[in-house]
Amino acid sequence: MGGTPVHLPPDGIVVTTAPKEDQLELMLWKEIRAAVRVARIRYPEPLTTGLKLADENYIVGFVAKDAERFQGFHAPHLLFIIEEAPGVGGHIWEAIEGARAGGDVRVLALGNPTIAGGPFFDAFTQARGSERQRILQMVPGDAAPLYQAIWQRMDQGEDLYAGASTA
């Protein structure tokens, strides 16, 4: 993410998650902290898994265990970022889907579709090509083009499921 523009709408909330604490803190939030450091806009110093800009404008992270943690988020712009998405249980995906009832709610799911089942795998097989989501596959090691494509597609109002191609 280094060098990637960081932009959070003034009325936006971002909820980040991963199956395990080290994936959340040492992988995803390491990248978020790096992006904040090089951002053109001055942001407050992020906490371990949080960055508060205002009462209703923040980024927060939770380990994907309890679905209740993902309920109750309401904002005109809401983004869920799911790191290592194949390892996130269906109950979490259902809670996130429940938040889609109102406003501009998007999902960015990252991982390798290696588990033969579940919402992330389904995005690469059964649900592929739906109007609401786009699939972005990359060859391992292509991080810079991936991040650029993510920001472009998210700006176009799409959910995005990104995974490394094993072929």
Foldseek 3Di string as FASTA:
>chain_A
DAPFEDDFPPFEEEEEEEQDPCCQQVPVVVVVQNNQVPHPDNADRADSAKGDPDPRTIYGYDYQDDLVVLPDNDTLHYEYEYEQVVNHDPSNVVSLVVRPPDHQYAYEYEEALPPCDDDLVCCVPVVPPDPAAHEAEAAPPPVVVVSVVVVVVVVVSHHYRYHYDPD
